[in-house]
Amino acid sequence: MTGLRRRLAAARATEPDDRGAVTVFVLGLTVTLLALGGLVIDGGNRVNDEMTLADDTEQAARAGATAIDEEALRVGGTVVLNRGTATARATTYLTGLGYPQPVVTVSADGLTVNVASRSTVETKMLSLIGIRDFDITATASASAVTGIG
């Protein structure tokens, strides 16, 4: 029996030590799954916030496009925007929703309001690996029209 024990001990001594290999694998898998979860959660929040910003920017452009210069329409039948009112309406709409400093312009022909806005999306999971936020932007334009059809 002693010879058998010596042979088993010698066989065990020559085998590689696998203790802890599963722990390293599980740790690596956990980090990978957390990173993927962060991409899914924070990426989804970014897409959602981009769509919300685009919708709000489009609404601001529409609000600005309602600022038709009534005097020019009554006197000459010309549809043009009151630049100051159009800019104020679009800016007021976006700042009222909490977006900082939107850029609002009225086209040279006075018919189109162009709006550009930006925002920041705070991350939840990705902040664990140093990605604190995403910057997002949106642009939209709307034209002044009158009548039906």
Protein backbone atom coordinates (compact mmCIF):
# COMPACT_ATOMS: atom_id res chain seq x y z
CA MET A 1 0.00 0.00 0.00
CA THR A 2 2.85 2.34 0.71
CA GLY A 3 4.15 1.98 -2.85
CA LEU A 4 0.71 2.84 -4.25
CA ARG A 5 0.52 5.98 -2.12
CA ARG A 6 3.96 7.07 -3.30
CA ARG A 7 2.97 6.60 -6.92
CA LEU A 8 -0.27 8.59 -6.43
CA ALA A 9 1.61 11.38 -4.64
CA ALA A 10 4.20 11.47 -7.43
CA ALA A 11 1.43 11.58 -10.07
CA ARG A 12 -0.30 14.46 -8.27
CA ALA A 13 2.97 16.38 -7.97
CA THR A 14 3.49 16.31 -11.76
CA GLU A 15 -0.10 17.43 -12.63
CA PRO A 16 -0.66 21.15 -13.23
CA ASP A 17 -2.41 23.02 -10.43
CA ASP A 18 -5.87 24.13 -11.70
CA ARG A 19 -7.10 25.62 -8.46
CA GLY A 20 -8.53 29.13 -8.99
CA ALA A 21 -8.96 28.83 -12.77
CA VAL A 22 -12.75 28.85 -12.47
CA THR A 23 -12.63 31.92 -10.25
CA VAL A 24 -10.68 33.88 -12.87
CA PHE A 25 -13.08 32.73 -15.60
CA VAL A 26 -16.17 33.73 -13.58
CA LEU A 27 -14.62 37.09 -12.72
CA GLY A 28 -13.86 37.79 -16.38
CA LEU A 29 -17.35 36.72 -17.41
CA THR A 30 -18.91 38.96 -14.76
CA VAL A 31 -16.96 42.02 -15.94
CA THR A 32 -17.92 41.29 -19.56
CA LEU A 33 -21.61 40.91 -18.68
CA LEU A 34 -21.58 44.16 -16.69
CA ALA A 35 -20.02 45.99 -19.65
CA LEU A 36 -22.62 44.54 -22.02
CA GLY A 37 -25.39 45.46 -19.59
CA GLY A 38 -24.02 49.00 -19.48
CA LEU A 39 -24.04 49.21 -23.25
CA VAL A 40 -27.62 47.99 -23.40
CA ILE A 41 -28.97 50.19 -20.59
CA ASP A 42 -27.01 53.37 -21.30
CA GLY A 43 -27.17 52.89 -25.06
CA GLY A 44 -30.94 52.51 -24.84
CA ASN A 45 -31.19 55.64 -22.71
CA ARG A 46 -29.09 57.53 -25.26
CA VAL A 47 -31.30 56.47 -28.18
CA ASN A 48 -34.42 57.39 -26.20
CA ASP A 49 -33.01 60.81 -25.25
CA GLU A 50 -31.89 61.46 -28.85
CA MET A 51 -35.42 60.78 -30.08
CA THR A 52 -36.89 63.03 -27.38
CA LEU A 53 -34.44 65.82 -28.25
CA ALA A 54 -35.25 65.47 -31.97
CA ASP A 55 -39.00 65.62 -31.25
CA ASP A 56 -38.61 68.68 -29.02
CA THR A 57 -36.39 70.40 -31.58
CA GLU A 58 -38.97 69.75 -34.33
CA GLN A 59 -41.70 71.19 -32.12
CA ALA A 60 -39.59 74.27 -31.45
CA ALA A 61 -39.11 74.79 -35.19
CA ARG A 62 -42.88 74.46 -35.71
CA ALA A 63 -43.50 76.96 -32.90
CA GLY A 64 -41.16 79.41 -34.60
CA ALA A 65 -42.79 78.85 -38.01
CA THR A 66 -46.11 80.06 -36.62
CA ALA A 67 -44.70 83.58 -36.25
CA ILE A 68 -45.98 84.81 -39.61
CA ASP A 69 -45.61 88.55 -40.16
CA GLU A 70 -49.30 89.44 -40.32
CA GLU A 71 -48.67 92.97 -41.57
CA ALA A 72 -46.70 91.73 -44.60
CA LEU A 73 -49.40 89.14 -45.29
CA ARG A 74 -52.25 91.67 -45.12
CA VAL A 75 -50.53 94.43 -47.07
CA GLY A 76 -48.76 92.49 -49.80
CA GLY A 77 -50.11 88.96 -49.51
CA THR A 78 -46.56 87.76 -48.85
CA VAL A 79 -45.91 84.99 -46.36
CA VAL A 80 -42.77 85.78 -44.36
CA LEU A 81 -41.80 85.21 -40.78
CA ASN A 82 -41.30 87.86 -38.16
CA ARG A 83 -37.68 86.96 -37.41
CA GLY A 84 -37.62 88.19 -33.83
CA THR A 85 -40.87 86.50 -32.86
CA ALA A 86 -39.93 83.24 -34.61
CA THR A 87 -36.58 83.12 -32.87
CA ALA A 88 -38.12 83.96 -29.50
CA ARG A 89 -40.85 81.32 -29.79
CA ALA A 90 -38.45 78.53 -30.73
CA THR A 91 -35.92 79.53 -28.09
CA THR A 92 -38.56 79.89 -25.37
CA TYR A 93 -39.99 76.46 -26.20
CA LEU A 94 -36.64 74.67 -25.87
CA THR A 95 -35.35 76.57 -22.85
CA GLY A 96 -38.69 75.93 -21.15
CA LEU A 97 -37.97 72.21 -21.51
CA GLY A 98 -34.52 72.66 -19.99
CA TYR A 99 -32.29 72.53 -23.08
CA PRO A 100 -29.35 74.95 -22.87
CA GLN A 101 -28.81 77.64 -25.51
CA PRO A 102 -30.56 76.41 -28.66
CA VAL A 103 -29.41 77.95 -31.93
CA VAL A 104 -32.34 79.36 -33.89
CA THR A 105 -32.04 80.99 -37.32
CA VAL A 106 -34.52 82.18 -39.91
CA SER A 107 -33.61 81.57 -43.55
CA ALA A 108 -32.68 84.44 -45.85
CA ASP A 109 -36.04 84.25 -47.67
CA GLY A 110 -37.84 84.52 -44.33
CA LEU A 111 -39.86 81.33 -44.77
CA THR A 112 -37.97 78.68 -42.79
CA VAL A 113 -36.99 78.39 -39.14
CA ASN A 114 -33.89 76.27 -38.47
CA VAL A 115 -33.25 75.01 -34.95
CA ALA A 116 -30.23 73.21 -33.52
CA SER A 117 -30.15 71.96 -29.95
CA ARG A 118 -27.94 69.83 -27.76
CA SER A 119 -28.13 67.93 -24.50
CA THR A 120 -26.13 65.57 -22.34
CA VAL A 121 -27.17 62.06 -21.31
CA GLU A 122 -25.80 60.91 -17.96
CA THR A 123 -24.75 57.25 -17.89
CA LYS A 124 -25.63 54.83 -15.13
CA MET A 125 -23.70 51.61 -15.73
CA LEU A 126 -20.92 52.88 -18.00
CA SER A 127 -19.89 55.42 -15.37
CA LEU A 128 -18.33 52.46 -13.58
CA ILE A 129 -15.71 52.25 -16.34
CA GLY A 130 -15.22 56.01 -16.69
CA ILE A 131 -17.80 56.97 -19.33
CA ARG A 132 -19.80 59.62 -17.47
CA ASP A 133 -22.05 61.03 -20.20
CA PHE A 134 -22.91 61.29 -23.90
CA ASP A 135 -23.41 64.52 -25.83
CA ILE A 136 -26.35 64.46 -28.23
CA THR A 137 -27.54 66.97 -30.84
CA ALA A 138 -30.56 67.46 -33.06
CA THR A 139 -31.53 69.80 -35.89
CA ALA A 140 -34.90 70.57 -37.41
CA SER A 141 -36.54 73.06 -39.72
CA ALA A 142 -40.09 74.15 -40.38
CA SER A 143 -41.56 76.43 -43.02
CA ALA A 144 -44.31 79.00 -42.76
CA VAL A 145 -47.40 78.17 -44.78
CA THR A 146 -50.91 79.55 -45.03
CA GLY A 147 -54.16 78.29 -46.44
CA ILE A 148 -55.45 74.80 -46.98
CA GLY A 149 -53.75 72.25 -49.16
